[in-house]
Amino acid sequence: MADTTRFTVTLPTEQVAELRKLTDNVSGYVAEAVARQLRHQLLGADLLRHQEEHGDFTEEELAEARSGIFGTTGTGGSASAA
């Protein structure tokens, strides 16, 4: 089991009510959400660094990435999913 630190956060009452409907393990749920957000931000930073070093991604590279993520070969997908 990973080391843990206990601390307090403040959330809007409505969010807490909805959260408790979703899970009995609020700490686990929040930990997963934080981990997902951290991965998202780190990936974004890595992608930006790659583009700064190698130039913008080509349409072909973007299409290949979308295909790998969404399992499609079409280019009509939304780029906002990242």
PDB file of N, CA and C in Angstrom:
ATOM      1  N   MET A   1       0.838  -1.185   0.000  1.00  0.00           N
ATOM      2  CA  MET A   1       0.000   0.000   0.000  1.00  0.00           C
ATOM      3  C   MET A   1       0.878   1.242   0.000  1.00  0.00           C
ATOM      4  N   ALA A   2       0.509   2.231  -0.768  1.00  0.00           N
ATOM      5  CA  ALA A   2       1.283   3.459  -0.876  1.00  0.00           C
ATOM      6  C   ALA A   2       1.164   4.278   0.403  1.00  0.00           C
ATOM      7  N   ASP A   3       2.208   5.054   0.675  1.00  0.00           N
ATOM      8  CA  ASP A   3       2.145   5.969   1.805  1.00  0.00           C
ATOM      9  C   ASP A   3       1.028   6.969   1.559  1.00  0.00           C
ATOM     10  N   THR A   4       0.386   7.395   2.626  1.00  0.00           N
ATOM     11  CA  THR A   4      -0.695   8.366   2.499  1.00  0.00           C
ATOM     12  C   THR A   4      -0.485   9.497   3.492  1.00  0.00           C
ATOM     13  N   THR A   5      -1.081  10.637   3.182  1.00  0.00           N
ATOM     14  CA  THR A   5      -1.089  11.795   4.054  1.00  0.00           C
ATOM     15  C   THR A   5      -2.529  12.260   4.177  1.00  0.00           C
ATOM     16  N   ARG A   6      -2.948  12.496   5.382  1.00  0.00           N
ATOM     17  CA  ARG A   6      -4.312  12.960   5.607  1.00  0.00           C
ATOM     18  C   ARG A   6      -4.327  14.479   5.595  1.00  0.00           C
ATOM     19  N   PHE A   7      -5.252  15.046   4.809  1.00  0.00           N
ATOM     20  CA  PHE A   7      -5.461  16.486   4.850  1.00  0.00           C
ATOM     21  C   PHE A   7      -6.905  16.782   4.501  1.00  0.00           C
ATOM     22  N   THR A   8      -7.328  18.002   4.736  1.00  0.00           N
ATOM     23  CA  THR A   8      -8.717  18.388   4.566  1.00  0.00           C
ATOM     24  C   THR A   8      -8.882  19.230   3.312  1.00  0.00           C
ATOM     25  N   VAL A   9      -9.953  18.950   2.579  1.00  0.00           N
ATOM     26  CA  VAL A   9     -10.312  19.782   1.437  1.00  0.00           C
ATOM     27  C   VAL A   9     -11.739  20.285   1.643  1.00  0.00           C
ATOM     28  N   THR A  10     -12.043  21.397   1.016  1.00  0.00           N
ATOM     29  CA  THR A  10     -13.380  21.965   1.091  1.00  0.00           C
ATOM     30  C   THR A  10     -14.014  21.883  -0.289  1.00  0.00           C
ATOM     31  N   LEU A  11     -15.203  21.299  -0.344  1.00  0.00           N
ATOM     32  CA  LEU A  11     -15.937  21.142  -1.599  1.00  0.00           C
ATOM     33  C   LEU A  11     -17.335  21.711  -1.417  1.00  0.00           C
ATOM     34  N   PRO A  12     -17.946  22.144  -2.508  1.00  0.00           N
ATOM     35  CA  PRO A  12     -19.341  22.589  -2.427  1.00  0.00           C
ATOM     36  C   PRO A  12     -20.235  21.443  -1.930  1.00  0.00           C
ATOM     37  N   THR A  13     -21.202  21.763  -1.120  1.00  0.00           N
ATOM     38  CA  THR A  13     -22.088  20.774  -0.523  1.00  0.00           C
ATOM     39  C   THR A  13     -22.745  19.895  -1.574  1.00  0.00           C
ATOM     40  N   GLU A  14     -23.151  20.489  -2.699  1.00  0.00           N
ATOM     41  CA  GLU A  14     -23.808  19.723  -3.759  1.00  0.00           C
ATOM     42  C   GLU A  14     -22.868  18.668  -4.336  1.00  0.00           C
ATOM     43  N   GLN A  15     -21.601  19.017  -4.492  1.00  0.00           N
ATOM     44  CA  GLN A  15     -20.635  18.056  -5.016  1.00  0.00           C
ATOM     45  C   GLN A  15     -20.435  16.904  -4.044  1.00  0.00           C
ATOM     46  N   VAL A  16     -20.387  17.204  -2.766  1.00  0.00           N
ATOM     47  CA  VAL A  16     -20.205  16.155  -1.766  1.00  0.00           C
ATOM     48  C   VAL A  16     -21.402  15.208  -1.778  1.00  0.00           C
ATOM     49  N   ALA A  17     -22.590  15.749  -1.899  1.00  0.00           N
ATOM     50  CA  ALA A  17     -23.793  14.911  -1.940  1.00  0.00           C
ATOM     51  C   ALA A  17     -23.761  13.980  -3.147  1.00  0.00           C
ATOM     52  N   GLU A  18     -23.393  14.489  -4.309  1.00  0.00           N
ATOM     53  CA  GLU A  18     -23.313  13.664  -5.510  1.00  0.00           C
ATOM     54  C   GLU A  18     -22.187  12.646  -5.403  1.00  0.00           C
ATOM     55  N   LEU A  19     -21.086  13.049  -4.827  1.00  0.00           N
ATOM     56  CA  LEU A  19     -19.946  12.154  -4.647  1.00  0.00           C
ATOM     57  C   LEU A  19     -20.322  10.974  -3.764  1.00  0.00           C
ATOM     58  N   ARG A  20     -21.045  11.232  -2.704  1.00  0.00           N
ATOM     59  CA  ARG A  20     -21.451  10.154  -1.788  1.00  0.00           C
ATOM     60  C   ARG A  20     -22.456   9.203  -2.434  1.00  0.00           C
ATOM     61  N   LYS A  21     -23.176   9.679  -3.451  1.00  0.00           N
ATOM     62  CA  LYS A  21     -24.073   8.794  -4.195  1.00  0.00           C
ATOM     63  C   LYS A  21     -23.267   7.833  -5.068  1.00  0.00           C
ATOM     64  N   LEU A  22     -22.080   8.267  -5.496  1.00  0.00           N
ATOM     65  CA  LEU A  22     -21.260   7.478  -6.411  1.00  0.00           C
ATOM     66  C   LEU A  22     -20.382   6.453  -5.715  1.00  0.00           C
ATOM     67  N   THR A  23     -19.945   6.750  -4.488  1.00  0.00           N
ATOM     68  CA  THR A  23     -18.966   5.871  -3.863  1.00  0.00           C
ATOM     69  C   THR A  23     -19.028   5.941  -2.345  1.00  0.00           C
ATOM     70  N   ASP A  24     -18.654   4.837  -1.725  1.00  0.00           N
ATOM     71  CA  ASP A  24     -18.471   4.808  -0.278  1.00  0.00           C
ATOM     72  C   ASP A  24     -17.027   5.148   0.076  1.00  0.00           C
ATOM     73  N   ASN A  25     -16.141   5.112  -0.922  1.00  0.00           N
ATOM     74  CA  ASN A  25     -14.726   5.371  -0.710  1.00  0.00           C
ATOM     75  C   ASN A  25     -14.369   6.724  -1.321  1.00  0.00           C
ATOM     76  N   VAL A  26     -14.716   7.783  -0.614  1.00  0.00           N
ATOM     77  CA  VAL A  26     -14.482   9.132  -1.120  1.00  0.00           C
ATOM     78  C   VAL A  26     -12.991   9.383  -1.307  1.00  0.00           C
ATOM     79  N   SER A  27     -12.182   8.957  -0.364  1.00  0.00           N
ATOM     80  CA  SER A  27     -10.734   9.170  -0.477  1.00  0.00           C
ATOM     81  C   SER A  27     -10.176   8.495  -1.724  1.00  0.00           C
ATOM     82  N   GLY A  28     -10.570   7.267  -1.978  1.00  0.00           N
ATOM     83  CA  GLY A  28     -10.108   6.557  -3.166  1.00  0.00           C
ATOM     84  C   GLY A  28     -10.565   7.234  -4.437  1.00  0.00           C
ATOM     85  N   TYR A  29     -11.808   7.679  -4.449  1.00  0.00           N
ATOM     86  CA  TYR A  29     -12.361   8.345  -5.625  1.00  0.00           C
ATOM     87  C   TYR A  29     -11.591   9.628  -5.923  1.00  0.00           C
ATOM     88  N   VAL A  30     -11.352  10.425  -4.881  1.00  0.00           N
ATOM     89  CA  VAL A  30     -10.629  11.683  -5.048  1.00  0.00           C
ATOM     90  C   VAL A  30      -9.184  11.407  -5.460  1.00  0.00           C
ATOM     91  N   ALA A  31      -8.553  10.389  -4.864  1.00  0.00           N
ATOM     92  CA  ALA A  31      -7.179  10.049  -5.226  1.00  0.00           C
ATOM     93  C   ALA A  31      -7.087   9.671  -6.701  1.00  0.00           C
ATOM     94  N   GLU A  32      -8.051   8.906  -7.208  1.00  0.00           N
ATOM     95  CA  GLU A  32      -8.058   8.543  -8.629  1.00  0.00           C
ATOM     96  C   GLU A  32      -8.249   9.771  -9.510  1.00  0.00           C
ATOM     97  N   ALA A  33      -9.131  10.677  -9.096  1.00  0.00           N
ATOM     98  CA  ALA A  33      -9.368  11.893  -9.878  1.00  0.00           C
ATOM     99  C   ALA A  33      -8.119  12.770  -9.916  1.00  0.00           C
ATOM    100  N   VAL A  34      -7.428  12.886  -8.799  1.00  0.00           N
ATOM    101  CA  VAL A  34      -6.206  13.679  -8.747  1.00  0.00           C
ATOM    102  C   VAL A  34      -5.125  13.032  -9.613  1.00  0.00           C
ATOM    103  N   ALA A  35      -4.978  11.720  -9.525  1.00  0.00           N
ATOM    104  CA  ALA A  35      -3.981  11.012 -10.335  1.00  0.00           C
ATOM    105  C   ALA A  35      -4.266  11.211 -11.823  1.00  0.00           C
ATOM    106  N   ARG A  36      -5.535  11.141 -12.218  1.00  0.00           N
ATOM    107  CA  ARG A  36      -5.912  11.328 -13.622  1.00  0.00           C
ATOM    108  C   ARG A  36      -5.562  12.752 -14.074  1.00  0.00           C
ATOM    109  N   GLN A  37      -5.841  13.747 -13.248  1.00  0.00           N
ATOM    110  CA  GLN A  37      -5.544  15.132 -13.599  1.00  0.00           C
ATOM    111  C   GLN A  37      -4.041  15.361 -13.691  1.00  0.00           C
ATOM    112  N   LEU A  38      -3.280  14.780 -12.780  1.00  0.00           N
ATOM    113  CA  LEU A  38      -1.823  14.901 -12.828  1.00  0.00           C
ATOM    114  C   LEU A  38      -1.270  14.288 -14.109  1.00  0.00           C
ATOM    115  N   ARG A  39      -1.760  13.086 -14.482  1.00  0.00           N
ATOM    116  CA  ARG A  39      -1.318  12.448 -15.730  1.00  0.00           C
ATOM    117  C   ARG A  39      -1.646  13.340 -16.922  1.00  0.00           C
ATOM    118  N   HIS A  40      -2.831  13.922 -16.923  1.00  0.00           N
ATOM    119  CA  HIS A  40      -3.269  14.796 -18.007  1.00  0.00           C
ATOM    120  C   HIS A  40      -2.323  15.994 -18.143  1.00  0.00           C
ATOM    121  N   GLN A  41      -1.998  16.615 -17.012  1.00  0.00           N
ATOM    122  CA  GLN A  41      -1.122  17.782 -17.064  1.00  0.00           C
ATOM    123  C   GLN A  41       0.302  17.408 -17.474  1.00  0.00           C
ATOM    124  N   LEU A  42       0.804  16.292 -16.975  1.00  0.00           N
ATOM    125  CA  LEU A  42       2.150  15.853 -17.344  1.00  0.00           C
ATOM    126  C   LEU A  42       2.220  15.491 -18.823  1.00  0.00           C
ATOM    127  N   LEU A  43       1.204  14.810 -19.322  1.00  0.00           N
ATOM    128  CA  LEU A  43       1.171  14.466 -20.738  1.00  0.00           C
ATOM    129  C   LEU A  43       1.125  15.727 -21.592  1.00  0.00           C
ATOM    130  N   GLY A  44       0.310  16.686 -21.185  1.00  0.00           N
ATOM    131  CA  GLY A  44       0.233  17.947 -21.926  1.00  0.00           C
ATOM    132  C   GLY A  44       1.579  18.649 -21.985  1.00  0.00           C
ATOM    133  N   ALA A  45       2.292  18.659 -20.862  1.00  0.00           N
ATOM    134  CA  ALA A  45       3.617  19.282 -20.824  1.00  0.00           C
ATOM    135  C   ALA A  45       4.586  18.535 -21.723  1.00  0.00           C
ATOM    136  N   ASP A  46       4.527  17.200 -21.705  1.00  0.00           N
ATOM    137  CA  ASP A  46       5.398  16.402 -22.578  1.00  0.00           C
ATOM    138  C   ASP A  46       5.103  16.660 -24.049  1.00  0.00           C
ATOM    139  N   LEU A  47       3.831  16.743 -24.406  1.00  0.00           N
ATOM    140  CA  LEU A  47       3.467  16.996 -25.799  1.00  0.00           C
ATOM    141  C   LEU A  47       3.924  18.381 -26.248  1.00  0.00           C
ATOM    142  N   LEU A  48       3.765  19.366 -25.379  1.00  0.00           N
ATOM    143  CA  LEU A  48       4.214  20.715 -25.701  1.00  0.00           C
ATOM    144  C   LEU A  48       5.729  20.750 -25.888  1.00  0.00           C
ATOM    145  N   ARG A  49       6.466  20.084 -25.004  1.00  0.00           N
ATOM    146  CA  ARG A  49       7.927  20.029 -25.100  1.00  0.00           C
ATOM    147  C   ARG A  49       8.351  19.340 -26.407  1.00  0.00           C
ATOM    148  N   HIS A  50       7.649  18.262 -26.765  1.00  0.00           N
ATOM    149  CA  HIS A  50       7.963  17.558 -28.017  1.00  0.00           C
ATOM    150  C   HIS A  50       7.776  18.487 -29.214  1.00  0.00           C
ATOM    151  N   GLN A  51       6.678  19.226 -29.223  1.00  0.00           N
ATOM    152  CA  GLN A  51       6.416  20.135 -30.346  1.00  0.00           C
ATOM    153  C   GLN A  51       7.428  21.271 -30.393  1.00  0.00           C
ATOM    154  N   GLU A  52       7.859  21.742 -29.240  1.00  0.00           N
ATOM    155  CA  GLU A  52       8.871  22.796 -29.221  1.00  0.00           C
ATOM    156  C   GLU A  52      10.190  22.295 -29.804  1.00  0.00           C
ATOM    157  N   GLU A  53      10.506  21.028 -29.576  1.00  0.00           N
ATOM    158  CA  GLU A  53      11.756  20.459 -30.066  1.00  0.00           C
ATOM    159  C   GLU A  53      11.669  19.995 -31.511  1.00  0.00           C
ATOM    160  N   HIS A  54      10.491  19.492 -31.936  1.00  0.00           N
ATOM    161  CA  HIS A  54      10.375  18.833 -33.240  1.00  0.00           C
ATOM    162  C   HIS A  54       9.364  19.480 -34.179  1.00  0.00           C
ATOM    163  N   GLY A  55       8.718  20.534 -33.751  1.00  0.00           N
ATOM    164  CA  GLY A  55       7.711  21.188 -34.584  1.00  0.00           C
ATOM    165  C   GLY A  55       6.320  20.621 -34.323  1.00  0.00           C
ATOM    166  N   ASP A  56       5.334  21.298 -34.886  1.00  0.00           N
ATOM    167  CA  ASP A  56       3.946  20.883 -34.695  1.00  0.00           C
ATOM    168  C   ASP A  56       3.707  19.478 -35.239  1.00  0.00           C
ATOM    169  N   PHE A  57       2.757  18.796 -34.638  1.00  0.00           N
ATOM    170  CA  PHE A  57       2.371  17.476 -35.129  1.00  0.00           C
ATOM    171  C   PHE A  57       1.708  17.621 -36.487  1.00  0.00           C
ATOM    172  N   THR A  58       1.971  16.679 -37.372  1.00  0.00           N
ATOM    173  CA  THR A  58       1.331  16.680 -38.690  1.00  0.00           C
ATOM    174  C   THR A  58      -0.081  16.118 -38.550  1.00  0.00           C
ATOM    175  N   GLU A  59      -0.883  16.356 -39.565  1.00  0.00           N
ATOM    176  CA  GLU A  59      -2.236  15.789 -39.569  1.00  0.00           C
ATOM    177  C   GLU A  59      -2.188  14.267 -39.516  1.00  0.00           C
ATOM    178  N   GLU A  60      -1.206  13.679 -40.173  1.00  0.00           N
ATOM    179  CA  GLU A  60      -1.060  12.218 -40.160  1.00  0.00           C
ATOM    180  C   GLU A  60      -0.749  11.721 -38.753  1.00  0.00           C
ATOM    181  N   GLU A  61       0.144  12.411 -38.058  1.00  0.00           N
ATOM    182  CA  GLU A  61       0.480  12.022 -36.683  1.00  0.00           C
ATOM    183  C   GLU A  61      -0.730  12.148 -35.771  1.00  0.00           C
ATOM    184  N   LEU A  62      -1.480  13.227 -35.937  1.00  0.00           N
ATOM    185  CA  LEU A  62      -2.679  13.419 -35.124  1.00  0.00           C
ATOM    186  C   LEU A  62      -3.719  12.340 -35.412  1.00  0.00           C
ATOM    187  N   ALA A  63      -3.892  11.995 -36.688  1.00  0.00           N
ATOM    188  CA  ALA A  63      -4.851  10.951 -37.057  1.00  0.00           C
ATOM    189  C   ALA A  63      -4.437   9.608 -36.460  1.00  0.00           C
ATOM    190  N   GLU A  64      -3.140   9.318 -36.485  1.00  0.00           N
ATOM    191  CA  GLU A  64      -2.647   8.067 -35.911  1.00  0.00           C
ATOM    192  C   GLU A  64      -2.876   8.038 -34.400  1.00  0.00           C
ATOM    193  N   ALA A  65      -2.649   9.166 -33.750  1.00  0.00           N
ATOM    194  CA  ALA A  65      -2.864   9.239 -32.308  1.00  0.00           C
ATOM    195  C   ALA A  65      -4.346   9.045 -31.979  1.00  0.00           C
ATOM    196  N   ARG A  66      -5.222   9.714 -32.731  1.00  0.00           N
ATOM    197  CA  ARG A  66      -6.664   9.552 -32.503  1.00  0.00           C
ATOM    198  C   ARG A  66      -7.088   8.100 -32.701  1.00  0.00           C
ATOM    199  N   SER A  67      -6.530   7.471 -33.737  1.00  0.00           N
ATOM    200  CA  SER A  67      -6.849   6.077 -34.003  1.00  0.00           C
ATOM    201  C   SER A  67      -6.425   5.189 -32.841  1.00  0.00           C
ATOM    202  N   GLY A  68      -5.242   5.448 -32.314  1.00  0.00           N
ATOM    203  CA  GLY A  68      -4.766   4.664 -31.184  1.00  0.00           C
ATOM    204  C   GLY A  68      -5.584   4.879 -29.925  1.00  0.00           C
ATOM    205  N   ILE A  69      -6.062   6.105 -29.732  1.00  0.00           N
ATOM    206  CA  ILE A  69      -6.840   6.424 -28.527  1.00  0.00           C
ATOM    207  C   ILE A  69      -8.286   5.965 -28.673  1.00  0.00           C
ATOM    208  N   PHE A  70      -8.903   6.295 -29.808  1.00  0.00           N
ATOM    209  CA  PHE A  70     -10.321   6.057 -29.979  1.00  0.00           C
ATOM    210  C   PHE A  70     -10.647   4.835 -30.807  1.00  0.00           C
ATOM    211  N   GLY A  71      -9.627   4.239 -31.431  1.00  0.00           N
ATOM    212  CA  GLY A  71      -9.860   3.043 -32.233  1.00  0.00           C
ATOM    213  C   GLY A  71     -10.533   3.319 -33.551  1.00  0.00           C
ATOM    214  N   THR A  72     -10.379   4.531 -34.058  1.00  0.00           N
ATOM    215  CA  THR A  72     -10.987   4.890 -35.342  1.00  0.00           C
ATOM    216  C   THR A  72      -9.899   5.386 -36.276  1.00  0.00           C
ATOM    217  N   THR A  73     -10.216   5.396 -37.562  1.00  0.00           N
ATOM    218  CA  THR A  73      -9.262   5.906 -38.551  1.00  0.00           C
ATOM    219  C   THR A  73      -9.729   7.208 -39.145  1.00  0.00           C
ATOM    220  N   GLY A  74     -10.926   7.661 -38.790  1.00  0.00           N
ATOM    221  CA  GLY A  74     -11.447   8.909 -39.340  1.00  0.00           C
ATOM    222  C   GLY A  74     -10.763  10.105 -38.720  1.00  0.00           C
ATOM    223  N   THR A  75     -10.763  11.236 -39.452  1.00  0.00           N
ATOM    224  CA  THR A  75     -10.161  12.450 -38.950  1.00  0.00           C
ATOM    225  C   THR A  75     -11.211  13.430 -38.475  1.00  0.00           C
ATOM    226  N   GLY A  76     -12.463  13.020 -38.410  1.00  0.00           N
ATOM    227  CA  GLY A  76     -13.529  13.931 -38.018  1.00  0.00           C
ATOM    228  C   GLY A  76     -13.726  14.020 -36.533  1.00  0.00           C
ATOM    229  N   GLY A  77     -12.890  13.359 -35.740  1.00  0.00           N
ATOM    230  CA  GLY A  77     -13.043  13.365 -34.290  1.00  0.00           C
ATOM    231  C   GLY A  77     -12.687  14.697 -33.692  1.00  0.00           C
ATOM    232  N   SER A  78     -13.125  14.901 -32.467  1.00  0.00           N
ATOM    233  CA  SER A  78     -12.868  16.143 -31.764  1.00  0.00           C
ATOM    234  C   SER A  78     -11.481  16.124 -31.162  1.00  0.00           C
ATOM    235  N   ALA A  79     -10.748  17.198 -31.315  1.00  0.00           N
ATOM    236  CA  ALA A  79      -9.423  17.307 -30.752  1.00  0.00           C
ATOM    237  C   ALA A  79      -9.465  17.704 -29.295  1.00  0.00           C
ATOM    238  N   SER A  80     -10.660  18.030 -28.758  1.00  0.00           N
ATOM    239  CA  SER A  80     -10.755  18.485 -27.373  1.00  0.00           C
ATOM    240  C   SER A  80     -10.752  17.347 -26.367  1.00  0.00           C
ATOM    241  N   ALA A  81     -10.702  16.109 -26.812  1.00  0.00           N
ATOM    242  CA  ALA A  81     -10.729  14.972 -25.894  1.00  0.00           C
ATOM    243  C   ALA A  81      -9.445  14.841 -25.097  1.00  0.00           C
ATOM    244  N   ALA A  82      -8.345  15.423 -25.543  1.00  0.00           N
ATOM    245  CA  ALA A  82      -7.080  15.353 -24.811  1.00  0.00           C
ATOM    246  C   ALA A  82      -7.157  16.241 -23.654  1.00  0.00           C
TER     247      ALA A  82
END
